[in-house]
PDB file of N, CA and C in Angstrom:
ATOM      1  N   MET A   1      90.241  51.820  26.071  1.00  0.00           N
ATOM      2  CA  MET A   1      89.432  52.643  25.188  1.00  0.00           C
ATOM      3  C   MET A   1      90.297  53.085  24.006  1.00  0.00           C
ATOM      4  N   LEU A   2      89.801  52.911  22.822  1.00  0.00           N
ATOM      5  CA  LEU A   2      90.521  53.306  21.616  1.00  0.00           C
ATOM      6  C   LEU A   2      90.069  54.687  21.162  1.00  0.00           C
ATOM      7  N   GLU A   3      91.020  55.442  20.666  1.00  0.00           N
ATOM      8  CA  GLU A   3      90.700  56.763  20.125  1.00  0.00           C
ATOM      9  C   GLU A   3      90.581  56.664  18.616  1.00  0.00           C
ATOM     10  N   ASN A   4      89.691  57.429  18.060  1.00  0.00           N
ATOM     11  CA  ASN A   4      89.628  57.550  16.607  1.00  0.00           C
ATOM     12  C   ASN A   4      90.614  58.617  16.192  1.00  0.00           C
ATOM     13  N   ARG A   5      91.702  58.207  15.575  1.00  0.00           N
ATOM     14  CA  ARG A   5      92.711  59.165  15.119  1.00  0.00           C
ATOM     15  C   ARG A   5      92.868  58.999  13.624  1.00  0.00           C
ATOM     16  N   VAL A   6      92.797  60.092  12.930  1.00  0.00           N
ATOM     17  CA  VAL A   6      92.973  60.089  11.487  1.00  0.00           C
ATOM     18  C   VAL A   6      94.446  59.845  11.189  1.00  0.00           C
ATOM     19  N   GLU A   7      94.739  58.906  10.275  1.00  0.00           N
ATOM     20  CA  GLU A   7      96.125  58.598   9.950  1.00  0.00           C
ATOM     21  C   GLU A   7      96.599  59.479   8.802  1.00  0.00           C
ATOM     22  N   HIS A   8      97.297  60.524   9.141  1.00  0.00           N
ATOM     23  CA  HIS A   8      97.888  61.364   8.114  1.00  0.00           C
ATOM     24  C   HIS A   8      99.026  62.189   8.707  1.00  0.00           C
ATOM     25  N   GLN A   9      99.819  62.732   7.824  1.00  0.00           N
ATOM     26  CA  GLN A   9     100.977  63.517   8.233  1.00  0.00           C
ATOM     27  C   GLN A   9     100.739  64.975   7.872  1.00  0.00           C
ATOM     28  N   GLU A  10     101.171  65.847   8.741  1.00  0.00           N
ATOM     29  CA  GLU A  10     101.042  67.285   8.524  1.00  0.00           C
ATOM     30  C   GLU A  10     102.419  67.922   8.626  1.00  0.00           C
ATOM     31  N   LYS A  11     102.563  69.057   7.970  1.00  0.00           N
ATOM     32  CA  LYS A  11     103.796  69.833   8.072  1.00  0.00           C
ATOM     33  C   LYS A  11     103.406  71.282   8.331  1.00  0.00           C
ATOM     34  N   ILE A  12     104.029  71.865   9.329  1.00  0.00           N
ATOM     35  CA  ILE A  12     103.805  73.266   9.658  1.00  0.00           C
ATOM     36  C   ILE A  12     105.107  74.004   9.391  1.00  0.00           C
ATOM     37  N   ILE A  13     105.026  75.087   8.632  1.00  0.00           N
ATOM     38  CA  ILE A  13     106.204  75.916   8.373  1.00  0.00           C
ATOM     39  C   ILE A  13     106.054  77.188   9.202  1.00  0.00           C
ATOM     40  N   LEU A  14     106.945  77.355  10.154  1.00  0.00           N
ATOM     41  CA  LEU A  14     106.932  78.549  10.996  1.00  0.00           C
ATOM     42  C   LEU A  14     107.650  79.674  10.268  1.00  0.00           C
ATOM     43  N   THR A  15     107.095  80.877  10.337  1.00  0.00           N
ATOM     44  CA  THR A  15     107.699  82.011   9.633  1.00  0.00           C
ATOM     45  C   THR A  15     107.718  83.249  10.524  1.00  0.00           C
ATOM     46  N   GLY A  16     108.609  84.157  10.189  1.00  0.00           N
ATOM     47  CA  GLY A  16     108.644  85.460  10.842  1.00  0.00           C
ATOM     48  C   GLY A  16     109.255  85.438  12.225  1.00  0.00           C
ATOM     49  N   GLU A  17     108.867  86.423  13.005  1.00  0.00           N
ATOM     50  CA  GLU A  17     109.394  86.597  14.348  1.00  0.00           C
ATOM     51  C   GLU A  17     108.443  85.974  15.357  1.00  0.00           C
ATOM     52  N   LEU A  18     108.934  85.001  16.081  1.00  0.00           N
ATOM     53  CA  LEU A  18     108.133  84.343  17.113  1.00  0.00           C
ATOM     54  C   LEU A  18     108.633  84.826  18.469  1.00  0.00           C
ATOM     55  N   ASN A  19     108.407  86.098  18.733  1.00  0.00           N
ATOM     56  CA  ASN A  19     108.949  86.668  19.965  1.00  0.00           C
ATOM     57  C   ASN A  19     107.974  87.610  20.669  1.00  0.00           C
ATOM     58  N   SER A  20     106.679  87.361  20.495  1.00  0.00           N
ATOM     59  CA  SER A  20     105.687  88.169  21.196  1.00  0.00           C
ATOM     60  C   SER A  20     104.558  87.256  21.665  1.00  0.00           C
ATOM     61  N   GLU A  21     103.801  87.728  22.625  1.00  0.00           N
ATOM     62  CA  GLU A  21     102.673  86.941  23.133  1.00  0.00           C
ATOM     63  C   GLU A  21     101.668  86.662  22.018  1.00  0.00           C
ATOM     64  N   GLU A  22     101.446  87.636  21.148  1.00  0.00           N
ATOM     65  CA  GLU A  22     100.509  87.459  20.030  1.00  0.00           C
ATOM     66  C   GLU A  22     100.967  86.325  19.110  1.00  0.00           C
ATOM     67  N   GLN A  23     102.235  86.309  18.761  1.00  0.00           N
ATOM     68  CA  GLN A  23     102.759  85.255  17.884  1.00  0.00           C
ATOM     69  C   GLN A  23     102.742  83.906  18.588  1.00  0.00           C
ATOM     70  N   ARG A  24     103.054  83.898  19.885  1.00  0.00           N
ATOM     71  CA  ARG A  24     102.999  82.649  20.657  1.00  0.00           C
ATOM     72  C   ARG A  24     101.595  82.070  20.618  1.00  0.00           C
ATOM     73  N   GLN A  25     100.603  82.949  20.805  1.00  0.00           N
ATOM     74  CA  GLN A  25      99.212  82.494  20.815  1.00  0.00           C
ATOM     75  C   GLN A  25      98.796  81.952  19.450  1.00  0.00           C
ATOM     76  N   LYS A  26      99.190  82.623  18.374  1.00  0.00           N
ATOM     77  CA  LYS A  26      98.859  82.146  17.025  1.00  0.00           C
ATOM     78  C   LYS A  26      99.472  80.772  16.769  1.00  0.00           C
ATOM     79  N   THR A  27     100.736  80.611  17.154  1.00  0.00           N
ATOM     80  CA  THR A  27     101.420  79.332  16.956  1.00  0.00           C
ATOM     81  C   THR A  27     100.776  78.250  17.809  1.00  0.00           C
ATOM     82  N   ARG A  28     100.480  78.573  19.059  1.00  0.00           N
ATOM     83  CA  ARG A  28      99.837  77.624  19.967  1.00  0.00           C
ATOM     84  C   ARG A  28      98.488  77.181  19.401  1.00  0.00           C
ATOM     85  N   THR A  29      97.703  78.139  18.905  1.00  0.00           N
ATOM     86  CA  THR A  29      96.389  77.823  18.334  1.00  0.00           C
ATOM     87  C   THR A  29      96.525  76.906  17.124  1.00  0.00           C
ATOM     88  N   LEU A  30      97.471  77.203  16.250  1.00  0.00           N
ATOM     89  CA  LEU A  30      97.699  76.371  15.068  1.00  0.00           C
ATOM     90  C   LEU A  30      98.062  74.940  15.463  1.00  0.00           C
ATOM     91  N   LEU A  31      98.972  74.788  16.416  1.00  0.00           N
ATOM     92  CA  LEU A  31      99.370  73.452  16.848  1.00  0.00           C
ATOM     93  C   LEU A  31      98.228  72.724  17.554  1.00  0.00           C
ATOM     94  N   GLU A  32      97.426  73.443  18.317  1.00  0.00           N
ATOM     95  CA  GLU A  32      96.287  72.815  18.981  1.00  0.00           C
ATOM     96  C   GLU A  32      95.236  72.364  17.974  1.00  0.00           C
ATOM     97  N   GLU A  33      95.068  73.104  16.884  1.00  0.00           N
ATOM     98  CA  GLU A  33      94.160  72.667  15.822  1.00  0.00           C
ATOM     99  C   GLU A  33      94.655  71.366  15.203  1.00  0.00           C
ATOM    100  N   LYS A  34      95.969  71.267  15.004  1.00  0.00           N
ATOM    101  CA  LYS A  34      96.546  70.026  14.468  1.00  0.00           C
ATOM    102  C   LYS A  34      96.328  68.885  15.453  1.00  0.00           C
ATOM    103  N   TRP A  35      96.492  69.171  16.730  1.00  0.00           N
ATOM    104  CA  TRP A  35      96.273  68.174  17.781  1.00  0.00           C
ATOM    105  C   TRP A  35      94.832  67.664  17.719  1.00  0.00           C
ATOM    106  N   ASP A  36      93.887  68.591  17.627  1.00  0.00           N
ATOM    107  CA  ASP A  36      92.471  68.227  17.595  1.00  0.00           C
ATOM    108  C   ASP A  36      92.095  67.434  16.355  1.00  0.00           C
ATOM    109  N   SER A  37      92.854  67.583  15.271  1.00  0.00           N
ATOM    110  CA  SER A  37      92.528  66.864  14.033  1.00  0.00           C
ATOM    111  C   SER A  37      92.936  65.394  14.099  1.00  0.00           C
ATOM    112  N   GLY A  38      93.705  65.018  15.117  1.00  0.00           N
ATOM    113  CA  GLY A  38      94.064  63.621  15.295  1.00  0.00           C
ATOM    114  C   GLY A  38      95.173  63.129  14.386  1.00  0.00           C
ATOM    115  N   ILE A  39      96.104  63.979  14.036  1.00  0.00           N
ATOM    116  CA  ILE A  39      97.189  63.568  13.141  1.00  0.00           C
ATOM    117  C   ILE A  39      98.092  62.546  13.816  1.00  0.00           C
ATOM    118  N   GLU A  40      98.777  61.739  12.996  1.00  0.00           N
ATOM    119  CA  GLU A  40      99.719  60.751  13.513  1.00  0.00           C
ATOM    120  C   GLU A  40     101.160  61.211  13.407  1.00  0.00           C
ATOM    121  N   SER A  41     101.419  62.141  12.504  1.00  0.00           N
ATOM    122  CA  SER A  41     102.794  62.563  12.258  1.00  0.00           C
ATOM    123  C   SER A  41     102.809  64.055  11.935  1.00  0.00           C
ATOM    124  N   LEU A  42     103.766  64.756  12.526  1.00  0.00           N
ATOM    125  CA  LEU A  42     103.859  66.198  12.335  1.00  0.00           C
ATOM    126  C   LEU A  42     105.314  66.598  12.147  1.00  0.00           C
ATOM    127  N   LYS A  43     105.560  67.411  11.126  1.00  0.00           N
ATOM    128  CA  LYS A  43     106.879  68.008  10.927  1.00  0.00           C
ATOM    129  C   LYS A  43     106.733  69.500  11.193  1.00  0.00           C
ATOM    130  N   ILE A  44     107.603  70.017  12.053  1.00  0.00           N
ATOM    131  CA  ILE A  44     107.616  71.446  12.339  1.00  0.00           C
ATOM    132  C   ILE A  44     108.867  72.012  11.692  1.00  0.00           C
ATOM    133  N   ASP A  45     108.652  72.852  10.677  1.00  0.00           N
ATOM    134  CA  ASP A  45     109.736  73.399   9.862  1.00  0.00           C
ATOM    135  C   ASP A  45     110.058  74.817  10.339  1.00  0.00           C
ATOM    136  N   PHE A  46     111.285  75.026  10.768  1.00  0.00           N
ATOM    137  CA  PHE A  46     111.722  76.317  11.296  1.00  0.00           C
ATOM    138  C   PHE A  46     112.346  77.208  10.227  1.00  0.00           C
ATOM    139  N   SER A  47     112.299  76.816   8.969  1.00  0.00           N
ATOM    140  CA  SER A  47     113.057  77.514   7.923  1.00  0.00           C
ATOM    141  C   SER A  47     112.694  78.988   7.765  1.00  0.00           C
ATOM    142  N   GLY A  48     111.482  79.386   8.095  1.00  0.00           N
ATOM    143  CA  GLY A  48     111.087  80.778   7.915  1.00  0.00           C
ATOM    144  C   GLY A  48     111.206  81.633   9.159  1.00  0.00           C
ATOM    145  N   VAL A  49     111.713  81.067  10.250  1.00  0.00           N
ATOM    146  CA  VAL A  49     111.808  81.807  11.507  1.00  0.00           C
ATOM    147  C   VAL A  49     112.989  82.773  11.459  1.00  0.00           C
ATOM    148  N   THR A  50     112.696  84.054  11.663  1.00  0.00           N
ATOM    149  CA  THR A  50     113.761  85.061  11.660  1.00  0.00           C
ATOM    150  C   THR A  50     114.182  85.448  13.070  1.00  0.00           C
ATOM    151  N   ALA A  51     113.306  85.220  14.051  1.00  0.00           N
ATOM    152  CA  ALA A  51     113.628  85.500  15.451  1.00  0.00           C
ATOM    153  C   ALA A  51     112.701  84.670  16.329  1.00  0.00           C
ATOM    154  N   ILE A  52     113.223  84.230  17.467  1.00  0.00           N
ATOM    155  CA  ILE A  52     112.393  83.486  18.417  1.00  0.00           C
ATOM    156  C   ILE A  52     112.904  83.793  19.816  1.00  0.00           C
ATOM    157  N   ASP A  53     111.980  83.984  20.750  1.00  0.00           N
ATOM    158  CA  ASP A  53     112.410  84.204  22.125  1.00  0.00           C
ATOM    159  C   ASP A  53     112.283  82.902  22.909  1.00  0.00           C
ATOM    160  N   PHE A  54     112.843  82.899  24.096  1.00  0.00           N
ATOM    161  CA  PHE A  54     112.880  81.680  24.897  1.00  0.00           C
ATOM    162  C   PHE A  54     111.479  81.190  25.243  1.00  0.00           C
ATOM    163  N   ASP A  55     110.550  82.106  25.566  1.00  0.00           N
ATOM    164  CA  ASP A  55     109.182  81.716  25.906  1.00  0.00           C
ATOM    165  C   ASP A  55     108.493  81.030  24.736  1.00  0.00           C
ATOM    166  N   SER A  56     108.686  81.537  23.534  1.00  0.00           N
ATOM    167  CA  SER A  56     108.067  80.932  22.349  1.00  0.00           C
ATOM    168  C   SER A  56     108.644  79.548  22.084  1.00  0.00           C
ATOM    169  N   LEU A  57     109.944  79.421  22.211  1.00  0.00           N
ATOM    170  CA  LEU A  57     110.581  78.122  22.005  1.00  0.00           C
ATOM    171  C   LEU A  57     110.101  77.125  23.058  1.00  0.00           C
ATOM    172  N   THR A  58     109.997  77.571  24.299  1.00  0.00           N
ATOM    173  CA  THR A  58     109.503  76.708  25.374  1.00  0.00           C
ATOM    174  C   THR A  58     108.078  76.264  25.094  1.00  0.00           C
ATOM    175  N   ASP A  59     107.223  77.186  24.672  1.00  0.00           N
ATOM    176  CA  ASP A  59     105.840  76.852  24.310  1.00  0.00           C
ATOM    177  C   ASP A  59     105.797  75.778  23.232  1.00  0.00           C
ATOM    178  N   LEU A  60     106.578  75.982  22.176  1.00  0.00           N
ATOM    179  CA  LEU A  60     106.621  75.013  21.080  1.00  0.00           C
ATOM    180  C   LEU A  60     107.026  73.631  21.579  1.00  0.00           C
ATOM    181  N   LEU A  61     108.024  73.589  22.421  1.00  0.00           N
ATOM    182  CA  LEU A  61     108.522  72.306  22.908  1.00  0.00           C
ATOM    183  C   LEU A  61     107.541  71.639  23.862  1.00  0.00           C
ATOM    184  N   MET A  62     106.818  72.418  24.652  1.00  0.00           N
ATOM    185  CA  MET A  62     105.813  71.834  25.541  1.00  0.00           C
ATOM    186  C   MET A  62     104.672  71.227  24.736  1.00  0.00           C
ATOM    187  N   ILE A  63     104.229  71.927  23.708  1.00  0.00           N
ATOM    188  CA  ILE A  63     103.167  71.390  22.853  1.00  0.00           C
ATOM    189  C   ILE A  63     103.674  70.162  22.113  1.00  0.00           C
ATOM    190  N   ARG A  64     104.915  70.219  21.648  1.00  0.00           N
ATOM    191  CA  ARG A  64     105.527  69.068  20.983  1.00  0.00           C
ATOM    192  C   ARG A  64     105.524  67.850  21.907  1.00  0.00           C
ATOM    193  N   ASN A  65     105.840  68.059  23.179  1.00  0.00           N
ATOM    194  CA  ASN A  65     105.846  66.951  24.127  1.00  0.00           C
ATOM    195  C   ASN A  65     104.460  66.351  24.308  1.00  0.00           C
ATOM    196  N   ARG A  66     103.433  67.184  24.244  1.00  0.00           N
ATOM    197  CA  ARG A  66     102.070  66.668  24.343  1.00  0.00           C
ATOM    198  C   ARG A  66     101.785  65.710  23.182  1.00  0.00           C
ATOM    199  N   PHE A  67     102.218  66.086  21.970  1.00  0.00           N
ATOM    200  CA  PHE A  67     102.063  65.203  20.815  1.00  0.00           C
ATOM    201  C   PHE A  67     102.822  63.896  21.044  1.00  0.00           C
ATOM    202  N   LEU A  68     104.050  64.002  21.520  1.00  0.00           N
ATOM    203  CA  LEU A  68     104.880  62.811  21.714  1.00  0.00           C
ATOM    204  C   LEU A  68     104.280  61.869  22.748  1.00  0.00           C
ATOM    205  N   HIS A  69     103.717  62.408  23.819  1.00  0.00           N
ATOM    206  CA  HIS A  69     103.100  61.567  24.843  1.00  0.00           C
ATOM    207  C   HIS A  69     101.877  60.837  24.298  1.00  0.00           C
ATOM    208  N   ALA A  70     101.275  61.380  23.270  1.00  0.00           N
ATOM    209  CA  ALA A  70     100.123  60.728  22.630  1.00  0.00           C
ATOM    210  C   ALA A  70     100.574  59.829  21.479  1.00  0.00           C
ATOM    211  N   GLU A  71     101.886  59.570  21.420  1.00  0.00           N
ATOM    212  CA  GLU A  71     102.483  58.709  20.399  1.00  0.00           C
ATOM    213  C   GLU A  71     102.322  59.258  18.988  1.00  0.00           C
ATOM    214  N   THR A  72     102.283  60.567  18.879  1.00  0.00           N
ATOM    215  CA  THR A  72     102.299  61.229  17.585  1.00  0.00           C
ATOM    216  C   THR A  72     103.753  61.516  17.241  1.00  0.00           C
ATOM    217  N   GLU A  73     104.163  61.103  16.070  1.00  0.00           N
ATOM    218  CA  GLU A  73     105.543  61.341  15.648  1.00  0.00           C
ATOM    219  C   GLU A  73     105.721  62.821  15.327  1.00  0.00           C
ATOM    220  N   VAL A  74     106.720  63.439  15.931  1.00  0.00           N
ATOM    221  CA  VAL A  74     107.002  64.852  15.695  1.00  0.00           C
ATOM    222  C   VAL A  74     108.472  64.991  15.316  1.00  0.00           C
ATOM    223  N   GLU A  75     108.714  65.691  14.218  1.00  0.00           N
ATOM    224  CA  GLU A  75     110.084  65.911  13.771  1.00  0.00           C
ATOM    225  C   GLU A  75     110.308  67.406  13.569  1.00  0.00           C
ATOM    226  N   LEU A  76     111.399  67.912  14.115  1.00  0.00           N
ATOM    227  CA  LEU A  76     111.779  69.313  13.943  1.00  0.00           C
ATOM    228  C   LEU A  76     112.775  69.371  12.796  1.00  0.00           C
ATOM    229  N   ILE A  77     112.483  70.209  11.785  1.00  0.00           N
ATOM    230  CA  ILE A  77     113.355  70.260  10.608  1.00  0.00           C
ATOM    231  C   ILE A  77     113.764  71.696  10.285  1.00  0.00           C
ATOM    232  N   ASN A  78     114.848  71.819   9.530  1.00  0.00           N
ATOM    233  CA  ASN A  78     115.359  73.121   9.067  1.00  0.00           C
ATOM    234  C   ASN A  78     115.522  74.125  10.208  1.00  0.00           C
ATOM    235  N   ILE A  79     116.182  73.684  11.252  1.00  0.00           N
ATOM    236  CA  ILE A  79     116.349  74.518  12.436  1.00  0.00           C
ATOM    237  C   ILE A  79     117.566  75.426  12.257  1.00  0.00           C
ATOM    238  N   PRO A  80     117.367  76.754  12.325  1.00  0.00           N
ATOM    239  CA  PRO A  80     118.507  77.674  12.204  1.00  0.00           C
ATOM    240  C   PRO A  80     119.521  77.439  13.330  1.00  0.00           C
ATOM    241  N   GLU A  81     120.766  77.719  13.062  1.00  0.00           N
ATOM    242  CA  GLU A  81     121.848  77.446  14.017  1.00  0.00           C
ATOM    243  C   GLU A  81     121.620  78.121  15.368  1.00  0.00           C
ATOM    244  N   ARG A  82     121.108  79.338  15.387  1.00  0.00           N
ATOM    245  CA  ARG A  82     120.921  80.036  16.668  1.00  0.00           C
ATOM    246  C   ARG A  82     119.904  79.316  17.555  1.00  0.00           C
ATOM    247  N   ILE A  83     118.885  78.723  16.960  1.00  0.00           N
ATOM    248  CA  ILE A  83     117.902  77.946  17.718  1.00  0.00           C
ATOM    249  C   ILE A  83     118.501  76.587  18.062  1.00  0.00           C
ATOM    250  N   ASN A  84     119.219  76.031  17.136  1.00  0.00           N
ATOM    251  CA  ASN A  84     119.870  74.740  17.316  1.00  0.00           C
ATOM    252  C   ASN A  84     120.775  74.745  18.552  1.00  0.00           C
ATOM    253  N   ARG A  85     121.529  75.818  18.747  1.00  0.00           N
ATOM    254  CA  ARG A  85     122.439  75.917  19.901  1.00  0.00           C
ATOM    255  C   ARG A  85     121.671  75.849  21.217  1.00  0.00           C
ATOM    256  N   ILE A  86     120.568  76.573  21.287  1.00  0.00           N
ATOM    257  CA  ILE A  86     119.748  76.571  22.507  1.00  0.00           C
ATOM    258  C   ILE A  86     119.200  75.171  22.765  1.00  0.00           C
ATOM    259  N   MET A  87     118.717  74.532  21.714  1.00  0.00           N
ATOM    260  CA  MET A  87     118.124  73.210  21.873  1.00  0.00           C
ATOM    261  C   MET A  87     119.180  72.171  22.264  1.00  0.00           C
ATOM    262  N   ARG A  88     120.385  72.341  21.787  1.00  0.00           N
ATOM    263  CA  ARG A  88     121.475  71.432  22.167  1.00  0.00           C
ATOM    264  C   ARG A  88     121.785  71.551  23.657  1.00  0.00           C
ATOM    265  N   ILE A  89     121.779  72.776  24.161  1.00  0.00           N
ATOM    266  CA  ILE A  89     122.044  73.002  25.580  1.00  0.00           C
ATOM    267  C   ILE A  89     121.049  72.227  26.440  1.00  0.00           C
ATOM    268  N   PHE A  90     119.790  72.231  26.024  1.00  0.00           N
ATOM    269  CA  PHE A  90     118.741  71.555  26.782  1.00  0.00           C
ATOM    270  C   PHE A  90     118.503  70.118  26.316  1.00  0.00           C
ATOM    271  N   GLN A  91     119.332  69.631  25.412  1.00  0.00           N
ATOM    272  CA  GLN A  91     119.270  68.269  24.878  1.00  0.00           C
ATOM    273  C   GLN A  91     117.867  67.908  24.388  1.00  0.00           C
ATOM    274  N   VAL A  92     117.349  68.745  23.502  1.00  0.00           N
ATOM    275  CA  VAL A  92     116.034  68.513  22.917  1.00  0.00           C
ATOM    276  C   VAL A  92     116.174  67.535  21.755  1.00  0.00           C
ATOM    277  N   PRO A  93     115.466  66.395  21.804  1.00  0.00           N
ATOM    278  CA  PRO A  93     115.549  65.452  20.687  1.00  0.00           C
ATOM    279  C   PRO A  93     114.964  66.051  19.411  1.00  0.00           C
ATOM    280  N   VAL A  94     115.603  65.765  18.284  1.00  0.00           N
ATOM    281  CA  VAL A  94     115.099  66.222  16.991  1.00  0.00           C
ATOM    282  C   VAL A  94     113.873  65.417  16.615  1.00  0.00           C
ATOM    283  N   SER A  95     113.942  64.116  16.846  1.00  0.00           N
ATOM    284  CA  SER A  95     112.871  63.241  16.396  1.00  0.00           C
ATOM    285  C   SER A  95     112.864  61.962  17.208  1.00  0.00           C
ATOM    286  N   GLU A  96     111.699  61.555  17.646  1.00  0.00           N
ATOM    287  CA  GLU A  96     111.545  60.265  18.307  1.00  0.00           C
ATOM    288  C   GLU A  96     111.801  59.149  17.302  1.00  0.00           C
ATOM    289  N   LYS A  97     111.444  59.396  16.057  1.00  0.00           N
ATOM    290  CA  LYS A  97     111.574  58.417  14.979  1.00  0.00           C
ATOM    291  C   LYS A  97     113.022  57.972  14.802  1.00  0.00           C
ATOM    292  N   HIS A  98     113.951  58.876  15.007  1.00  0.00           N
ATOM    293  CA  HIS A  98     115.357  58.576  14.779  1.00  0.00           C
ATOM    294  C   HIS A  98     116.083  58.254  16.080  1.00  0.00           C
ATOM    295  N   GLY A  99     115.380  57.647  17.011  1.00  0.00           N
ATOM    296  CA  GLY A  99     116.016  57.209  18.241  1.00  0.00           C
ATOM    297  C   GLY A  99     116.462  58.333  19.158  1.00  0.00           C
ATOM    298  N   ASN A 100     115.652  59.366  19.283  1.00  0.00           N
ATOM    299  CA  ASN A 100     115.970  60.496  20.159  1.00  0.00           C
ATOM    300  C   ASN A 100     117.307  61.130  19.842  1.00  0.00           C
ATOM    301  N   GLN A 101     117.633  61.215  18.579  1.00  0.00           N
ATOM    302  CA  GLN A 101     118.883  61.872  18.198  1.00  0.00           C
ATOM    303  C   GLN A 101     118.809  63.334  18.598  1.00  0.00           C
ATOM    304  N   TYR A 102     119.876  63.789  19.215  1.00  0.00           N
ATOM    305  CA  TYR A 102     119.915  65.184  19.620  1.00  0.00           C
ATOM    306  C   TYR A 102     120.519  66.018  18.517  1.00  0.00           C
ATOM    307  N   LEU A 103     120.229  67.289  18.548  1.00  0.00           N
ATOM    308  CA  LEU A 103     120.729  68.205  17.539  1.00  0.00           C
ATOM    309  C   LEU A 103     122.227  68.318  17.613  1.00  0.00           C
TER     310      LEU A 103
END
């Protein structure tokens, strides 16, 4: 069975403090809307993030994995060093496109 997926690229710029249930829900909703739109490529830009807690980062990565399992290209960009360190510990790939290069 073939899916009708719109071929386009989206970019999401995360901003502010992502360290509360309310912010997690807003981010989750935004990413789920992108998922429902059938995008083929997504860039998640961390440049505006001033704080993030472990639960929010975990949520983001779980949703990212859902995109990847559906063969949607996802790239994490402009990751602040404090987030980068956490992601390195857990060996989170930056991009499937670049051969699972780790941060």
